[in-house]
Amino acid sequence: MELILRVDIPKLGKAGTIVNVSEGYARNYLLPKHLADKPTQDAKDQIEAIVRRRRIEEAKELEACQEMAKKLEGITVQLARKAGEDEKLFGSVTAKDIADELEAQNVVLDSKKILLENPIKQLGPATVEVKLHAEVSAQLKILVVSE
C-alpha cells in the first residue's frame, strides 16, 4: 500500500516521501496515529507545505549554528583549578565545566555538544571540538590555569 509520510520514521523514510508498506502496518499503525496519509492530491499539497516549512526552519537553524561557531572560535575559556607541582590537576575539567563557564560568559551551549574524549587533567591550553549541527562544528580554545 502506498502512503505519504507526515513525519520522519526511522528505517522507513522522511516526511513527504511516498513509501510502500504492508496493508496491516498502514491500517493498524501509520494511519490511526496520523503518521501517514493515503496519496491523494490534498494530502500531497499538505505534505509539500510541511516540507517547505521544514526546509526554511533547517536553513535558519544552520545559519544560527554557523554564527554560533564563529562566536565560539573567538572565545577562549579560562578555567582555574588546583594543581600539583607537575602541572597535573587535582581532579579534571569536564564538558560540563566548560559549558558552565561558557554560560557565565552568556554563551548557552549544551554540554553534550562539547566533544571531549577524556577529561582535561593537565594545566595549559587545549582545543576542544564543539559539534553544533550535523554540518557545523567549531574549535573551542580552553586554557586551564592554576588557582
N, C-alpha and C. Protein backbone atom coordinates (compact mmCIF):
# COMPACT_ATOMS: atom_id res chain seq x y z
N MET A 1 0.84 -1.17 0.00
CA MET A 1 0.00 0.00 0.00
C MET A 1 0.89 1.24 0.00
N GLU A 2 0.59 2.20 -0.86
CA GLU A 2 1.35 3.43 -0.94
C GLU A 2 0.81 4.46 0.03
N LEU A 3 1.72 5.12 0.76
CA LEU A 3 1.36 6.16 1.70
C LEU A 3 2.36 7.30 1.61
N ILE A 4 1.92 8.49 2.02
CA ILE A 4 2.81 9.64 2.13
C ILE A 4 3.08 9.85 3.62
N LEU A 5 4.36 9.87 3.99
CA LEU A 5 4.71 10.05 5.40
C LEU A 5 4.53 11.50 5.82
N ARG A 6 3.94 11.68 6.99
CA ARG A 6 3.77 13.03 7.55
C ARG A 6 4.94 13.42 8.43
N VAL A 7 5.61 12.44 9.02
CA VAL A 7 6.75 12.66 9.91
C VAL A 7 7.88 11.72 9.51
N ASP A 8 9.07 12.01 9.99
CA ASP A 8 10.21 11.12 9.75
C ASP A 8 10.02 9.85 10.58
N ILE A 9 10.18 8.72 9.93
CA ILE A 9 10.09 7.43 10.63
C ILE A 9 11.39 6.68 10.34
N PRO A 10 12.16 6.37 11.40
CA PRO A 10 13.43 5.67 11.19
C PRO A 10 13.23 4.37 10.42
N LYS A 11 14.14 4.09 9.54
CA LYS A 11 14.19 2.88 8.71
C LYS A 11 13.03 2.79 7.72
N LEU A 12 12.22 3.86 7.60
CA LEU A 12 11.13 3.85 6.63
C LEU A 12 11.27 5.02 5.67
N GLY A 13 11.42 6.23 6.18
CA GLY A 13 11.58 7.37 5.29
C GLY A 13 11.38 8.69 6.00
N LYS A 14 11.62 9.75 5.25
CA LYS A 14 11.47 11.10 5.78
C LYS A 14 10.09 11.62 5.44
N ALA A 15 9.68 12.66 6.14
CA ALA A 15 8.38 13.27 5.91
C ALA A 15 8.29 13.76 4.47
N GLY A 16 7.16 13.51 3.84
CA GLY A 16 6.93 13.95 2.47
C GLY A 16 7.27 12.93 1.41
N THR A 17 7.84 11.81 1.80
CA THR A 17 8.18 10.79 0.81
C THR A 17 7.04 9.77 0.69
N ILE A 18 6.91 9.21 -0.48
CA ILE A 18 5.91 8.17 -0.73
C ILE A 18 6.60 6.83 -0.51
N VAL A 19 6.01 6.01 0.35
CA VAL A 19 6.59 4.71 0.68
C VAL A 19 5.58 3.60 0.43
N ASN A 20 6.10 2.42 0.20
CA ASN A 20 5.28 1.22 0.05
C ASN A 20 5.38 0.42 1.34
N VAL A 21 4.25 0.18 2.00
CA VAL A 21 4.23 -0.61 3.23
C VAL A 21 3.13 -1.65 3.12
N SER A 22 3.17 -2.61 4.03
CA SER A 22 2.12 -3.63 4.03
C SER A 22 0.81 -3.00 4.49
N GLU A 23 -0.29 -3.60 4.08
CA GLU A 23 -1.60 -3.06 4.43
C GLU A 23 -1.83 -3.09 5.93
N GLY A 24 -1.38 -4.14 6.60
CA GLY A 24 -1.57 -4.24 8.05
C GLY A 24 -0.82 -3.14 8.79
N TYR A 25 0.42 -2.85 8.38
CA TYR A 25 1.21 -1.80 9.01
C TYR A 25 0.55 -0.45 8.81
N ALA A 26 0.03 -0.23 7.61
CA ALA A 26 -0.65 1.03 7.31
C ALA A 26 -1.95 1.14 8.10
N ARG A 27 -2.76 0.11 8.06
CA ARG A 27 -4.08 0.15 8.68
C ARG A 27 -4.01 0.19 10.21
N ASN A 28 -3.06 -0.56 10.79
CA ASN A 28 -3.01 -0.70 12.24
C ASN A 28 -2.09 0.28 12.96
N TYR A 29 -1.14 0.87 12.23
CA TYR A 29 -0.18 1.72 12.92
C TYR A 29 -0.08 3.13 12.31
N LEU A 30 0.28 3.21 11.04
CA LEU A 30 0.57 4.51 10.44
C LEU A 30 -0.66 5.41 10.30
N LEU A 31 -1.76 4.87 9.80
CA LEU A 31 -2.95 5.70 9.60
C LEU A 31 -3.63 6.09 10.91
N PRO A 32 -3.84 5.19 11.87
CA PRO A 32 -4.50 5.60 13.12
C PRO A 32 -3.70 6.64 13.93
N LYS A 33 -2.38 6.58 13.85
CA LYS A 33 -1.55 7.52 14.60
C LYS A 33 -1.26 8.79 13.80
N HIS A 34 -1.86 8.92 12.62
CA HIS A 34 -1.69 10.08 11.74
C HIS A 34 -0.23 10.33 11.39
N LEU A 35 0.52 9.25 11.19
CA LEU A 35 1.90 9.34 10.78
C LEU A 35 2.03 9.35 9.26
N ALA A 36 0.97 8.95 8.57
CA ALA A 36 0.99 8.90 7.12
C ALA A 36 -0.44 9.10 6.60
N ASP A 37 -0.53 9.45 5.32
CA ASP A 37 -1.82 9.63 4.65
C ASP A 37 -1.82 8.87 3.34
N LYS A 38 -3.02 8.59 2.85
CA LYS A 38 -3.13 8.00 1.52
C LYS A 38 -2.74 9.08 0.52
N PRO A 39 -2.14 8.70 -0.59
CA PRO A 39 -1.59 9.69 -1.52
C PRO A 39 -2.64 10.40 -2.39
N THR A 40 -3.51 11.17 -1.76
CA THR A 40 -4.46 12.00 -2.50
C THR A 40 -3.79 13.33 -2.83
N GLN A 41 -4.38 14.08 -3.74
CA GLN A 41 -3.78 15.36 -4.12
C GLN A 41 -3.77 16.33 -2.95
N ASP A 42 -4.83 16.34 -2.14
CA ASP A 42 -4.88 17.21 -0.97
C ASP A 42 -3.77 16.87 0.02
N ALA A 43 -3.56 15.58 0.25
CA ALA A 43 -2.51 15.15 1.17
C ALA A 43 -1.13 15.53 0.63
N LYS A 44 -0.93 15.40 -0.68
CA LYS A 44 0.34 15.78 -1.29
C LYS A 44 0.61 17.27 -1.11
N ASP A 45 -0.43 18.09 -1.28
CA ASP A 45 -0.27 19.54 -1.11
C ASP A 45 0.09 19.88 0.34
N GLN A 46 -0.56 19.23 1.30
CA GLN A 46 -0.27 19.48 2.72
C GLN A 46 1.17 19.08 3.05
N ILE A 47 1.58 17.94 2.56
CA ILE A 47 2.93 17.45 2.84
C ILE A 47 3.97 18.37 2.21
N GLU A 48 3.71 18.84 0.99
CA GLU A 48 4.64 19.77 0.35
C GLU A 48 4.80 21.03 1.18
N ALA A 49 3.71 21.53 1.76
CA ALA A 49 3.77 22.71 2.61
C ALA A 49 4.60 22.43 3.86
N ILE A 50 4.42 21.25 4.44
CA ILE A 50 5.19 20.87 5.63
C ILE A 50 6.68 20.78 5.29
N VAL A 51 6.99 20.18 4.16
CA VAL A 51 8.39 20.03 3.75
C VAL A 51 9.03 21.39 3.50
N ARG A 52 8.28 22.31 2.86
CA ARG A 52 8.82 23.66 2.63
C ARG A 52 9.12 24.37 3.94
N ARG A 53 8.18 24.29 4.91
CA ARG A 53 8.40 24.92 6.22
C ARG A 53 9.62 24.31 6.92
N ARG A 54 9.75 22.99 6.82
CA ARG A 54 10.87 22.32 7.46
C ARG A 54 12.19 22.77 6.84
N ARG A 55 12.23 22.91 5.52
CA ARG A 55 13.47 23.36 4.86
C ARG A 55 13.84 24.76 5.30
N ILE A 56 12.85 25.64 5.44
CA ILE A 56 13.10 27.01 5.90
C ILE A 56 13.64 26.99 7.33
N GLU A 57 13.02 26.19 8.20
CA GLU A 57 13.47 26.08 9.59
C GLU A 57 14.88 25.51 9.67
N GLU A 58 15.18 24.49 8.85
CA GLU A 58 16.51 23.90 8.85
C GLU A 58 17.55 24.91 8.37
N ALA A 59 17.20 25.72 7.38
CA ALA A 59 18.13 26.74 6.89
C ALA A 59 18.41 27.78 7.97
N LYS A 60 17.37 28.19 8.70
CA LYS A 60 17.55 29.15 9.80
C LYS A 60 18.42 28.55 10.90
N GLU A 61 18.17 27.28 11.23
CA GLU A 61 18.95 26.61 12.27
C GLU A 61 20.42 26.49 11.86
N LEU A 62 20.66 26.15 10.60
CA LEU A 62 22.02 26.04 10.10
C LEU A 62 22.73 27.39 10.17
N GLU A 63 22.04 28.44 9.80
CA GLU A 63 22.62 29.78 9.84
C GLU A 63 22.94 30.18 11.29
N ALA A 64 22.04 29.89 12.21
CA ALA A 64 22.27 30.20 13.62
C ALA A 64 23.47 29.41 14.16
N CYS A 65 23.60 28.16 13.75
CA CYS A 65 24.73 27.34 14.20
C CYS A 65 26.05 27.86 13.63
N GLN A 66 26.03 28.33 12.39
CA GLN A 66 27.24 28.90 11.79
C GLN A 66 27.67 30.17 12.52
N GLU A 67 26.70 31.00 12.91
CA GLU A 67 27.01 32.20 13.67
C GLU A 67 27.59 31.84 15.04
N MET A 68 26.99 30.84 15.69
CA MET A 68 27.48 30.39 16.99
C MET A 68 28.91 29.85 16.85
N ALA A 69 29.19 29.13 15.76
CA ALA A 69 30.53 28.59 15.54
C ALA A 69 31.55 29.73 15.42
N LYS A 70 31.20 30.78 14.69
CA LYS A 70 32.11 31.92 14.57
C LYS A 70 32.36 32.56 15.93
N LYS A 71 31.31 32.65 16.74
CA LYS A 71 31.42 33.23 18.07
C LYS A 71 32.33 32.37 18.96
N LEU A 72 32.15 31.05 18.89
CA LEU A 72 32.95 30.15 19.71
C LEU A 72 34.42 30.13 19.30
N GLU A 73 34.69 30.31 18.00
CA GLU A 73 36.07 30.32 17.51
C GLU A 73 36.86 31.47 18.13
N GLY A 74 36.16 32.57 18.46
CA GLY A 74 36.83 33.74 19.02
C GLY A 74 36.92 33.75 20.53
N ILE A 75 36.40 32.75 21.19
CA ILE A 75 36.36 32.71 22.65
C ILE A 75 37.46 31.78 23.17
N THR A 76 38.10 32.20 24.25
CA THR A 76 38.99 31.32 24.99
C THR A 76 38.41 31.17 26.39
N VAL A 77 38.12 29.94 26.77
CA VAL A 77 37.54 29.66 28.08
C VAL A 77 38.69 29.41 29.05
N GLN A 78 38.75 30.23 30.10
CA GLN A 78 39.81 30.08 31.09
C GLN A 78 39.21 29.49 32.36
N LEU A 79 39.79 28.39 32.79
CA LEU A 79 39.32 27.69 33.98
C LEU A 79 40.46 27.60 34.99
N ALA A 80 40.18 27.96 36.23
CA ALA A 80 41.18 27.89 37.29
C ALA A 80 40.93 26.63 38.13
N ARG A 81 41.97 25.82 38.26
CA ARG A 81 41.87 24.59 39.03
C ARG A 81 43.11 24.41 39.89
N LYS A 82 42.99 23.68 40.98
CA LYS A 82 44.14 23.36 41.83
C LYS A 82 44.97 22.29 41.12
N ALA A 83 46.28 22.47 41.20
CA ALA A 83 47.18 21.54 40.52
C ALA A 83 48.40 21.27 41.38
N GLY A 84 49.04 20.16 41.13
CA GLY A 84 50.27 19.79 41.82
C GLY A 84 51.47 20.42 41.13
N GLU A 85 52.66 20.09 41.63
CA GLU A 85 53.89 20.67 41.09
C GLU A 85 54.16 20.23 39.66
N ASP A 86 53.74 19.05 39.28
CA ASP A 86 54.00 18.55 37.93
C ASP A 86 52.89 18.95 36.95
N GLU A 87 52.12 19.97 37.30
CA GLU A 87 51.05 20.55 36.47
C GLU A 87 49.88 19.58 36.22
N LYS A 88 49.75 18.57 37.03
CA LYS A 88 48.59 17.68 36.95
C LYS A 88 47.52 18.22 37.88
N LEU A 89 46.29 18.19 37.41
CA LEU A 89 45.18 18.73 38.19
C LEU A 89 44.76 17.77 39.29
N PHE A 90 44.28 18.34 40.40
CA PHE A 90 43.63 17.55 41.44
C PHE A 90 42.16 17.43 41.02
N GLY A 91 41.87 16.52 40.16
CA GLY A 91 40.54 16.39 39.57
C GLY A 91 40.69 16.52 38.06
N SER A 92 39.67 17.05 37.42
CA SER A 92 39.73 17.21 35.97
C SER A 92 38.73 18.27 35.51
N VAL A 93 38.85 18.63 34.25
CA VAL A 93 37.93 19.57 33.62
C VAL A 93 37.07 18.76 32.66
N THR A 94 35.76 18.80 32.85
CA THR A 94 34.83 18.04 32.01
C THR A 94 34.08 18.96 31.07
N ALA A 95 33.30 18.37 30.19
CA ALA A 95 32.47 19.14 29.26
C ALA A 95 31.46 19.98 30.02
N LYS A 96 30.95 19.48 31.12
CA LYS A 96 30.01 20.23 31.95
C LYS A 96 30.66 21.49 32.52
N ASP A 97 31.92 21.36 32.97
CA ASP A 97 32.65 22.52 33.49
C ASP A 97 32.81 23.59 32.41
N ILE A 98 33.13 23.16 31.21
CA ILE A 98 33.31 24.08 30.09
C ILE A 98 31.98 24.76 29.76
N ALA A 99 30.90 23.99 29.72
CA ALA A 99 29.58 24.56 29.42
C ALA A 99 29.16 25.56 30.50
N ASP A 100 29.46 25.26 31.76
CA ASP A 100 29.12 26.19 32.85
C ASP A 100 29.90 27.49 32.72
N GLU A 101 31.17 27.40 32.37
CA GLU A 101 31.98 28.62 32.20
C GLU A 101 31.49 29.43 31.00
N LEU A 102 31.10 28.75 29.93
CA LEU A 102 30.54 29.46 28.77
C LEU A 102 29.24 30.17 29.15
N GLU A 103 28.43 29.52 29.97
CA GLU A 103 27.18 30.12 30.40
C GLU A 103 27.44 31.37 31.24
N ALA A 104 28.52 31.36 32.02
CA ALA A 104 28.89 32.54 32.80
C ALA A 104 29.30 33.69 31.87
N GLN A 105 29.74 33.35 30.65
CA GLN A 105 30.11 34.35 29.65
C GLN A 105 28.95 34.65 28.70
N ASN A 106 27.73 34.25 29.10
CA ASN A 106 26.50 34.48 28.34
C ASN A 106 26.48 33.76 27.00
N VAL A 107 27.07 32.58 26.94
CA VAL A 107 27.00 31.71 25.76
C VAL A 107 26.35 30.41 26.21
N VAL A 108 25.12 30.19 25.79
CA VAL A 108 24.40 28.99 26.20
C VAL A 108 24.73 27.86 25.23
N LEU A 109 25.27 26.78 25.78
CA LEU A 109 25.68 25.64 24.97
C LEU A 109 25.47 24.37 25.78
N ASP A 110 24.83 23.39 25.18
CA ASP A 110 24.60 22.11 25.84
C ASP A 110 25.92 21.37 25.96
N SER A 111 26.19 20.82 27.13
CA SER A 111 27.47 20.14 27.35
C SER A 111 27.60 18.88 26.49
N LYS A 112 26.51 18.34 26.00
CA LYS A 112 26.57 17.16 25.14
C LYS A 112 27.15 17.48 23.77
N LYS A 113 27.14 18.75 23.40
CA LYS A 113 27.69 19.15 22.10
C LYS A 113 29.20 19.34 22.15
N ILE A 114 29.75 19.37 23.36
CA ILE A 114 31.19 19.51 23.51
C ILE A 114 31.80 18.11 23.45
N LEU A 115 32.58 17.86 22.41
CA LEU A 115 33.15 16.52 22.19
C LEU A 115 34.51 16.43 22.89
N LEU A 116 34.48 15.97 24.10
CA LEU A 116 35.68 15.83 24.92
C LEU A 116 35.86 14.35 25.20
N GLU A 117 36.83 13.72 24.50
CA GLU A 117 37.01 12.28 24.66
C GLU A 117 37.35 11.89 26.09
N ASN A 118 38.33 12.58 26.65
CA ASN A 118 38.74 12.35 28.03
C ASN A 118 38.78 13.69 28.75
N PRO A 119 38.46 13.73 30.03
CA PRO A 119 38.56 14.99 30.76
C PRO A 119 39.98 15.54 30.74
N ILE A 120 40.09 16.85 30.78
CA ILE A 120 41.41 17.51 30.77
C ILE A 120 41.99 17.39 32.18
N LYS A 121 43.23 16.89 32.27
CA LYS A 121 43.86 16.66 33.57
C LYS A 121 45.19 17.37 33.71
N GLN A 122 45.51 18.27 32.78
CA GLN A 122 46.78 19.00 32.79
C GLN A 122 46.52 20.49 32.73
N LEU A 123 47.41 21.28 33.32
CA LEU A 123 47.37 22.72 33.13
C LEU A 123 47.80 23.05 31.72
N GLY A 124 47.37 24.19 31.23
CA GLY A 124 47.81 24.65 29.92
C GLY A 124 46.67 24.72 28.93
N PRO A 125 47.02 25.04 27.68
CA PRO A 125 46.00 25.19 26.65
C PRO A 125 45.53 23.84 26.10
N ALA A 126 44.30 23.85 25.63
CA ALA A 126 43.72 22.67 24.98
C ALA A 126 42.71 23.16 23.96
N THR A 127 42.44 22.35 22.98
CA THR A 127 41.43 22.67 21.97
C THR A 127 40.40 21.55 21.99
N VAL A 128 39.12 21.96 22.00
CA VAL A 128 38.02 21.01 22.08
C VAL A 128 37.08 21.26 20.91
N GLU A 129 36.62 20.19 20.29
CA GLU A 129 35.67 20.32 19.19
C GLU A 129 34.25 20.42 19.76
N VAL A 130 33.47 21.33 19.18
CA VAL A 130 32.08 21.52 19.55
C VAL A 130 31.24 21.24 18.32
N LYS A 131 30.38 20.24 18.40
CA LYS A 131 29.52 19.85 17.28
C LYS A 131 28.17 20.52 17.46
N LEU A 132 27.92 21.57 16.69
CA LEU A 132 26.70 22.35 16.82
C LEU A 132 25.56 21.83 15.96
N HIS A 133 25.91 21.24 14.82
CA HIS A 133 24.93 20.79 13.83
C HIS A 133 25.60 19.68 13.06
N ALA A 134 24.85 18.93 12.31
CA ALA A 134 25.43 17.85 11.52
C ALA A 134 26.49 18.36 10.56
N GLU A 135 26.35 19.60 10.11
CA GLU A 135 27.28 20.16 9.13
C GLU A 135 28.20 21.22 9.73
N VAL A 136 28.02 21.59 10.99
CA VAL A 136 28.76 22.69 11.58
C VAL A 136 29.45 22.25 12.87
N SER A 137 30.75 22.48 12.94
CA SER A 137 31.49 22.26 14.17
C SER A 137 32.47 23.41 14.35
N ALA A 138 32.92 23.59 15.58
CA ALA A 138 33.84 24.68 15.89
C ALA A 138 34.93 24.16 16.83
N GLN A 139 36.06 24.84 16.81
CA GLN A 139 37.15 24.52 17.71
C GLN A 139 37.16 25.56 18.83
N LEU A 140 37.00 25.11 20.06
CA LEU A 140 36.95 25.98 21.22
C LEU A 140 38.28 25.88 21.96
N LYS A 141 38.86 27.05 22.27
CA LYS A 141 40.14 27.08 22.97
C LYS A 141 39.89 27.09 24.48
N ILE A 142 40.58 26.21 25.18
CA ILE A 142 40.46 26.09 26.62
C ILE A 142 41.83 26.40 27.22
N LEU A 143 41.86 27.16 28.28
CA LEU A 143 43.10 27.43 29.00
C LEU A 143 42.87 27.10 30.47
N VAL A 144 43.56 26.08 30.94
CA VAL A 144 43.45 25.67 32.33
C VAL A 144 44.65 26.27 33.08
N VAL A 145 44.35 27.09 34.09
CA VAL A 145 45.40 27.75 34.86
C VAL A 145 45.31 27.30 36.31
N SER A 146 46.40 27.51 37.02
CA SER A 146 46.47 27.13 38.43
C SER A 146 45.78 28.18 39.29
N GLU A 147 45.12 27.74 40.34
CA GLU A 147 44.47 28.66 41.28
C GLU A 147 45.49 29.35 42.15
